[in-house]
Amino acid sequence: MHPKLPKWPFLYVITDDKVHKHVEVAEGALEAGVKVIQYREKKKDGGEMYREAKEVKELCESYDALFIVDDRLDIAMAVEADGVHLGQDDLPYERARELFSGILGVSVKTVEQAKRAEAFADYLGAGSVFPTKTKDSRVIGVEGLKKIVESVKVPVVGIGGINAENVGEVVKAGASPAVVSAVAHAKDVKKAAGELIRAIEGAVRSV
């Protein structure tokens, strides 16, 4: 586990600008007490991504929170992000580890993928745990998440379809929850993030 990562379980919020701007999502989540923010952008050019990522990174610094960039190691390095998160089809994580000394997260769907990535990653993102409209992904379910958690020694973050109603299942499976739409698409970002944090705290007490 990377020393900068918060103590398990923490809420990991991923930005999306369908409803609010990336920086607005980050600000609301940070105000609620979130300590890890990931900037995720799939459609914009590198220059715009750099400007947005830099703005969110500076905001995270002011709240003493970690800033992760999705997919783009070049953007992560350019803005001096705390970390980068890579999917199975992105830049090979083995090469990213050679180039980047910060936090490295890797997306996995199976125990086999998790075991391969464990030697290079500081944490793994596993999912989709539940059905989701945010990204096309095979649902692994809570049992699939639990199997991945039990197969590796690095922290696991569950992602996909997680909300305040089912977040407790993710925590009880041994993973920290990552959310996109539950916070980024909420009318009140700060309120939504706060509800998730309280639900996580409640689940920890009952484990």
C-alpha atoms as a PDB file:
ATOM      1  CA  MET A   1       0.000   0.000   0.000  1.00  0.00           C
ATOM      2  CA  HIS A   2       1.307   3.424  -0.935  1.00  0.00           C
ATOM      3  CA  PRO A   3       1.901   5.521   2.225  1.00  0.00           C
ATOM      4  CA  LYS A   4      -0.131   8.413   0.798  1.00  0.00           C
ATOM      5  CA  LEU A   5      -3.316   6.379   0.407  1.00  0.00           C
ATOM      6  CA  PRO A   6      -5.903   6.984   3.154  1.00  0.00           C
ATOM      7  CA  LYS A   7      -6.739   4.313   5.682  1.00  0.00           C
ATOM      8  CA  TRP A   8      -9.283   1.768   4.395  1.00  0.00           C
ATOM      9  CA  PRO A   9     -12.121   2.205   3.646  1.00  0.00           C
ATOM     10  CA  PHE A  10     -12.168   5.595   1.977  1.00  0.00           C
ATOM     11  CA  LEU A  11     -14.525   7.163  -0.564  1.00  0.00           C
ATOM     12  CA  TYR A  12     -12.897   7.567  -3.970  1.00  0.00           C
ATOM     13  CA  VAL A  13     -14.727  10.124  -6.138  1.00  0.00           C
ATOM     14  CA  ILE A  14     -14.300  10.225  -9.916  1.00  0.00           C
ATOM     15  CA  THR A  15     -15.201  13.435 -11.721  1.00  0.00           C
ATOM     16  CA  ASP A  16     -17.479  13.694 -14.733  1.00  0.00           C
ATOM     17  CA  ASP A  17     -18.725  16.864 -16.430  1.00  0.00           C
ATOM     18  CA  LYS A  18     -22.121  15.709 -17.710  1.00  0.00           C
ATOM     19  CA  VAL A  19     -23.969  17.617 -14.957  1.00  0.00           C
ATOM     20  CA  HIS A  20     -21.320  19.755 -13.225  1.00  0.00           C
ATOM     21  CA  LYS A  21     -17.835  20.855 -14.264  1.00  0.00           C
ATOM     22  CA  HIS A  22     -14.961  18.633 -13.132  1.00  0.00           C
ATOM     23  CA  VAL A  23     -13.748  21.243 -10.667  1.00  0.00           C
ATOM     24  CA  GLU A  24     -17.276  21.674  -9.256  1.00  0.00           C
ATOM     25  CA  VAL A  25     -17.584  17.939  -8.625  1.00  0.00           C
ATOM     26  CA  ALA A  26     -14.187  17.922  -6.951  1.00  0.00           C
ATOM     27  CA  GLU A  27     -14.964  20.959  -4.812  1.00  0.00           C
ATOM     28  CA  GLY A  28     -18.278  19.577  -3.542  1.00  0.00           C
ATOM     29  CA  ALA A  29     -16.723  16.206  -2.752  1.00  0.00           C
ATOM     30  CA  LEU A  30     -13.739  17.773  -1.000  1.00  0.00           C
ATOM     31  CA  GLU A  31     -16.005  19.997   1.072  1.00  0.00           C
ATOM     32  CA  ALA A  32     -17.795  16.842   2.236  1.00  0.00           C
ATOM     33  CA  GLY A  33     -14.490  15.323   3.377  1.00  0.00           C
ATOM     34  CA  VAL A  34     -13.454  13.145   0.425  1.00  0.00           C
ATOM     35  CA  LYS A  35      -9.689  12.533   0.383  1.00  0.00           C
ATOM     36  CA  VAL A  36      -9.177  10.975  -3.071  1.00  0.00           C
ATOM     37  CA  ILE A  37     -10.321  12.575  -6.338  1.00  0.00           C
ATOM     38  CA  GLN A  38      -9.810  11.122  -9.800  1.00  0.00           C
ATOM     39  CA  TYR A  39     -10.058  13.310 -12.889  1.00  0.00           C
ATOM     40  CA  ARG A  40     -11.628  11.273 -15.692  1.00  0.00           C
ATOM     41  CA  GLU A  41     -12.075  12.776 -19.154  1.00  0.00           C
ATOM     42  CA  LYS A  42     -12.390  10.776 -22.357  1.00  0.00           C
ATOM     43  CA  LYS A  43     -13.295  13.273 -25.074  1.00  0.00           C
ATOM     44  CA  LYS A  44     -11.300  16.493 -24.756  1.00  0.00           C
ATOM     45  CA  ASP A  45      -7.933  17.311 -26.271  1.00  0.00           C
ATOM     46  CA  GLY A  46      -4.732  17.242 -24.270  1.00  0.00           C
ATOM     47  CA  GLY A  47      -4.501  20.990 -23.776  1.00  0.00           C
ATOM     48  CA  GLU A  48      -7.955  21.288 -22.261  1.00  0.00           C
ATOM     49  CA  MET A  49      -7.384  18.196 -20.137  1.00  0.00           C
ATOM     50  CA  TYR A  50      -4.155  19.687 -18.831  1.00  0.00           C
ATOM     51  CA  ARG A  51      -5.885  22.929 -17.816  1.00  0.00           C
ATOM     52  CA  GLU A  52      -8.776  21.127 -16.113  1.00  0.00           C
ATOM     53  CA  ALA A  53      -6.526  18.623 -14.368  1.00  0.00           C
ATOM     54  CA  LYS A  54      -4.250  21.385 -13.107  1.00  0.00           C
ATOM     55  CA  GLU A  55      -7.231  23.257 -11.666  1.00  0.00           C
ATOM     56  CA  VAL A  56      -8.571  20.176  -9.893  1.00  0.00           C
ATOM     57  CA  LYS A  57      -5.093  19.246  -8.658  1.00  0.00           C
ATOM     58  CA  GLU A  58      -4.585  22.669  -7.088  1.00  0.00           C
ATOM     59  CA  LEU A  59      -7.983  22.374  -5.410  1.00  0.00           C
ATOM     60  CA  CYS A  60      -7.080  18.940  -4.022  1.00  0.00           C
ATOM     61  CA  GLU A  61      -3.839  20.352  -2.635  1.00  0.00           C
ATOM     62  CA  SER A  62      -5.762  23.023  -0.737  1.00  0.00           C
ATOM     63  CA  TYR A  63      -7.828  20.276   0.941  1.00  0.00           C
ATOM     64  CA  ASP A  64      -4.819  17.982   1.542  1.00  0.00           C
ATOM     65  CA  ALA A  65      -6.428  15.345  -0.708  1.00  0.00           C
ATOM     66  CA  LEU A  66      -4.911  13.004  -3.281  1.00  0.00           C
ATOM     67  CA  PHE A  67      -5.317  13.757  -6.969  1.00  0.00           C
ATOM     68  CA  ILE A  68      -5.365  10.903  -9.502  1.00  0.00           C
ATOM     69  CA  VAL A  69      -5.584  11.193 -13.302  1.00  0.00           C
ATOM     70  CA  ASP A  70      -7.429   8.488 -15.244  1.00  0.00           C
ATOM     71  CA  ASP A  71      -5.741   6.855 -18.277  1.00  0.00           C
ATOM     72  CA  ARG A  72      -3.330   9.644 -19.199  1.00  0.00           C
ATOM     73  CA  LEU A  73       0.132   9.276 -17.691  1.00  0.00           C
ATOM     74  CA  ASP A  74       1.335  12.283 -19.707  1.00  0.00           C
ATOM     75  CA  ILE A  75      -1.300  14.547 -18.116  1.00  0.00           C
ATOM     76  CA  ALA A  76      -0.618  13.096 -14.662  1.00  0.00           C
ATOM     77  CA  MET A  77       3.084  13.821 -14.992  1.00  0.00           C
ATOM     78  CA  ALA A  78       2.542  17.269 -16.529  1.00  0.00           C
ATOM     79  CA  VAL A  79       0.400  18.467 -13.606  1.00  0.00           C
ATOM     80  CA  GLU A  80       2.453  16.552 -11.019  1.00  0.00           C
ATOM     81  CA  ALA A  81      -0.531  14.491  -9.912  1.00  0.00           C
ATOM     82  CA  ASP A  82      -0.261  12.168  -6.929  1.00  0.00           C
ATOM     83  CA  GLY A  83      -1.198   9.235  -9.107  1.00  0.00           C
ATOM     84  CA  VAL A  84      -2.479   7.753 -12.335  1.00  0.00           C
ATOM     85  CA  HIS A  85      -5.090   5.053 -12.895  1.00  0.00           C
ATOM     86  CA  LEU A  86      -4.724   2.739 -15.891  1.00  0.00           C
ATOM     87  CA  GLY A  87      -7.110   0.291 -17.527  1.00  0.00           C
ATOM     88  CA  GLN A  88      -6.147  -3.007 -19.118  1.00  0.00           C
ATOM     89  CA  ASP A  89      -6.086  -1.374 -22.582  1.00  0.00           C
ATOM     90  CA  ASP A  90      -4.123   1.745 -21.610  1.00  0.00           C
ATOM     91  CA  LEU A  91      -0.355   2.215 -21.483  1.00  0.00           C
ATOM     92  CA  PRO A  92       1.019  -1.037 -19.993  1.00  0.00           C
ATOM     93  CA  TYR A  93       1.204  -0.617 -16.235  1.00  0.00           C
ATOM     94  CA  GLU A  94       4.628  -2.284 -16.164  1.00  0.00           C
ATOM     95  CA  ARG A  95       6.003   0.539 -18.323  1.00  0.00           C
ATOM     96  CA  ALA A  96       4.093   3.188 -16.375  1.00  0.00           C
ATOM     97  CA  ARG A  97       5.721   1.930 -13.177  1.00  0.00           C
ATOM     98  CA  GLU A  98       9.156   2.431 -14.773  1.00  0.00           C
ATOM     99  CA  LEU A  99       8.302   6.017 -15.732  1.00  0.00           C
ATOM    100  CA  PHE A 100       6.238   7.145 -12.752  1.00  0.00           C
ATOM    101  CA  SER A 101       7.041   7.015  -9.044  1.00  0.00           C
ATOM    102  CA  GLY A 102       3.630   8.181  -7.841  1.00  0.00           C
ATOM    103  CA  ILE A 103       0.540   6.169  -6.945  1.00  0.00           C
ATOM    104  CA  LEU A 104      -0.396   3.640  -9.624  1.00  0.00           C
ATOM    105  CA  GLY A 105      -3.898   2.179  -9.818  1.00  0.00           C
ATOM    106  CA  VAL A 106      -4.873  -0.575 -12.243  1.00  0.00           C
ATOM    107  CA  SER A 107      -8.360  -1.694 -13.314  1.00  0.00           C
ATOM    108  CA  VAL A 108      -9.050  -5.421 -13.057  1.00  0.00           C
ATOM    109  CA  LYS A 109     -12.022  -7.713 -13.583  1.00  0.00           C
ATOM    110  CA  THR A 110     -10.612 -11.101 -12.629  1.00  0.00           C
ATOM    111  CA  VAL A 111      -8.429 -12.683  -9.968  1.00  0.00           C
ATOM    112  CA  GLU A 112      -5.858 -13.480 -12.663  1.00  0.00           C
ATOM    113  CA  GLN A 113      -5.626  -9.837 -13.752  1.00  0.00           C
ATOM    114  CA  ALA A 114      -5.414  -8.756 -10.115  1.00  0.00           C
ATOM    115  CA  LYS A 115      -2.523 -11.097  -9.344  1.00  0.00           C
ATOM    116  CA  ARG A 116      -0.582  -9.929 -12.410  1.00  0.00           C
ATOM    117  CA  ALA A 117      -1.078  -6.255 -11.601  1.00  0.00           C
ATOM    118  CA  GLU A 118      -0.363  -6.576  -7.887  1.00  0.00           C
ATOM    119  CA  ALA A 119       3.412  -6.468  -8.335  1.00  0.00           C
ATOM    120  CA  PHE A 120       3.207  -3.042  -9.996  1.00  0.00           C
ATOM    121  CA  ALA A 121       0.096  -1.372  -8.579  1.00  0.00           C
ATOM    122  CA  ASP A 122      -0.425   0.503  -5.310  1.00  0.00           C
ATOM    123  CA  TYR A 123      -4.131  -0.298  -5.482  1.00  0.00           C
ATOM    124  CA  LEU A 124      -6.529  -2.088  -7.818  1.00  0.00           C
ATOM    125  CA  GLY A 125      -9.864  -0.868  -9.167  1.00  0.00           C
ATOM    126  CA  ALA A 126     -12.248  -3.834  -9.489  1.00  0.00           C
ATOM    127  CA  GLY A 127     -15.599  -3.887 -11.222  1.00  0.00           C
ATOM    128  CA  SER A 128     -18.163  -3.346 -12.284  1.00  0.00           C
ATOM    129  CA  VAL A 129     -19.542  -4.430  -8.932  1.00  0.00           C
ATOM    130  CA  PHE A 130     -23.119  -3.538  -9.873  1.00  0.00           C
ATOM    131  CA  PRO A 131     -24.736  -2.672 -13.236  1.00  0.00           C
ATOM    132  CA  THR A 132     -23.839   0.844 -14.367  1.00  0.00           C
ATOM    133  CA  LYS A 133     -24.527   3.213 -17.255  1.00  0.00           C
ATOM    134  CA  THR A 134     -21.274   5.125 -16.778  1.00  0.00           C
ATOM    135  CA  LYS A 135     -19.108   2.643 -18.642  1.00  0.00           C
ATOM    136  CA  ASP A 136     -19.572  -0.658 -20.445  1.00  0.00           C
ATOM    137  CA  SER A 137     -18.273  -3.365 -18.183  1.00  0.00           C
ATOM    138  CA  ARG A 138     -19.008  -6.926 -17.207  1.00  0.00           C
ATOM    139  CA  VAL A 139     -20.599  -7.097 -13.756  1.00  0.00           C
ATOM    140  CA  ILE A 140     -18.447  -9.100 -11.346  1.00  0.00           C
ATOM    141  CA  GLY A 141     -20.826  -8.751  -8.408  1.00  0.00           C
ATOM    142  CA  VAL A 142     -19.973  -8.472  -4.721  1.00  0.00           C
ATOM    143  CA  GLU A 143     -18.691 -12.066  -4.709  1.00  0.00           C
ATOM    144  CA  GLY A 144     -16.331 -11.343  -7.601  1.00  0.00           C
ATOM    145  CA  LEU A 145     -15.078  -8.261  -5.756  1.00  0.00           C
ATOM    146  CA  LYS A 146     -14.535 -10.262  -2.577  1.00  0.00           C
ATOM    147  CA  LYS A 147     -12.519 -12.919  -4.446  1.00  0.00           C
ATOM    148  CA  ILE A 148     -10.226 -10.220  -5.855  1.00  0.00           C
ATOM    149  CA  VAL A 149      -9.799  -8.607  -2.423  1.00  0.00           C
ATOM    150  CA  GLU A 150      -8.866 -11.970  -0.921  1.00  0.00           C
ATOM    151  CA  SER A 151      -6.387 -12.785  -3.702  1.00  0.00           C
ATOM    152  CA  VAL A 152      -4.093  -9.759  -3.309  1.00  0.00           C
ATOM    153  CA  LYS A 153      -2.273  -7.822  -0.600  1.00  0.00           C
ATOM    154  CA  VAL A 154      -2.718  -4.332  -2.109  1.00  0.00           C
ATOM    155  CA  PRO A 155      -5.888  -2.289  -1.372  1.00  0.00           C
ATOM    156  CA  VAL A 156      -8.843  -2.815  -3.696  1.00  0.00           C
ATOM    157  CA  VAL A 157     -11.324  -0.150  -4.761  1.00  0.00           C
ATOM    158  CA  GLY A 158     -14.698  -1.393  -5.988  1.00  0.00           C
ATOM    159  CA  ILE A 159     -16.354   0.539  -8.805  1.00  0.00           C
ATOM    160  CA  GLY A 160     -19.552   0.385 -10.821  1.00  0.00           C
ATOM    161  CA  GLY A 161     -23.121   1.181  -9.821  1.00  0.00           C
ATOM    162  CA  ILE A 162     -22.237   1.993  -6.204  1.00  0.00           C
ATOM    163  CA  ASN A 163     -24.561   4.285  -4.244  1.00  0.00           C
ATOM    164  CA  ALA A 164     -25.549   5.033  -0.635  1.00  0.00           C
ATOM    165  CA  GLU A 165     -27.895   2.026  -0.575  1.00  0.00           C
ATOM    166  CA  ASN A 166     -25.360  -0.634  -1.601  1.00  0.00           C
ATOM    167  CA  VAL A 167     -22.042   0.891  -0.525  1.00  0.00           C
ATOM    168  CA  GLY A 168     -22.099  -1.169   2.668  1.00  0.00           C
ATOM    169  CA  GLU A 169     -21.825  -4.376   0.627  1.00  0.00           C
ATOM    170  CA  VAL A 170     -18.623  -3.074  -0.976  1.00  0.00           C
ATOM    171  CA  VAL A 171     -17.109  -2.204   2.411  1.00  0.00           C
ATOM    172  CA  LYS A 172     -18.062  -5.593   3.870  1.00  0.00           C
ATOM    173  CA  ALA A 173     -16.378  -7.270   0.877  1.00  0.00           C
ATOM    174  CA  GLY A 174     -13.150  -5.582   1.980  1.00  0.00           C
ATOM    175  CA  ALA A 175     -12.939  -2.828  -0.639  1.00  0.00           C
ATOM    176  CA  SER A 176     -13.120   0.950  -0.633  1.00  0.00           C
ATOM    177  CA  PRO A 177     -15.914   2.314  -2.849  1.00  0.00           C
ATOM    178  CA  ALA A 178     -15.332   4.443  -5.950  1.00  0.00           C
ATOM    179  CA  VAL A 179     -18.232   6.395  -7.439  1.00  0.00           C
ATOM    180  CA  VAL A 180     -18.942   8.484 -10.503  1.00  0.00           C
ATOM    181  CA  SER A 181     -22.650   9.156 -11.042  1.00  0.00           C
ATOM    182  CA  ALA A 182     -23.665   8.820  -7.363  1.00  0.00           C
ATOM    183  CA  VAL A 183     -21.741  12.035  -6.689  1.00  0.00           C
ATOM    184  CA  ALA A 184     -20.861  13.676 -10.030  1.00  0.00           C
ATOM    185  CA  HIS A 185     -24.440  13.489 -11.349  1.00  0.00           C
ATOM    186  CA  ALA A 186     -26.130  14.430  -8.086  1.00  0.00           C
ATOM    187  CA  LYS A 187     -27.971  17.730  -7.856  1.00  0.00           C
ATOM    188  CA  ASP A 188     -26.067  18.536  -4.639  1.00  0.00           C
ATOM    189  CA  VAL A 189     -22.570  17.055  -4.901  1.00  0.00           C
ATOM    190  CA  LYS A 190     -21.508  17.864  -1.348  1.00  0.00           C
ATOM    191  CA  LYS A 191     -24.676  16.361   0.127  1.00  0.00           C
ATOM    192  CA  ALA A 192     -24.362  13.173  -1.966  1.00  0.00           C
ATOM    193  CA  ALA A 193     -20.716  12.687  -1.012  1.00  0.00           C
ATOM    194  CA  GLY A 194     -21.522  13.298   2.643  1.00  0.00           C
ATOM    195  CA  GLU A 195     -24.285  10.678   2.587  1.00  0.00           C
ATOM    196  CA  LEU A 196     -21.878   8.139   1.103  1.00  0.00           C
ATOM    197  CA  ILE A 197     -19.218   8.891   3.704  1.00  0.00           C
ATOM    198  CA  ARG A 198     -21.757   8.384   6.502  1.00  0.00           C
ATOM    199  CA  ALA A 199     -22.950   5.138   4.917  1.00  0.00           C
ATOM    200  CA  ILE A 200     -19.348   3.895   4.744  1.00  0.00           C
ATOM    201  CA  GLU A 201     -18.807   4.794   8.415  1.00  0.00           C
ATOM    202  CA  GLY A 202     -21.980   2.923   9.317  1.00  0.00           C
ATOM    203  CA  ALA A 203     -20.853  -0.147   7.385  1.00  0.00           C
ATOM    204  CA  VAL A 204     -17.456  -0.115   9.140  1.00  0.00           C
ATOM    205  CA  ARG A 205     -19.153  -0.120  12.521  1.00  0.00           C
ATOM    206  CA  SER A 206     -21.205  -3.161  11.556  1.00  0.00           C
ATOM    207  CA  VAL A 207     -18.329  -5.215  10.074  1.00  0.00           C
END
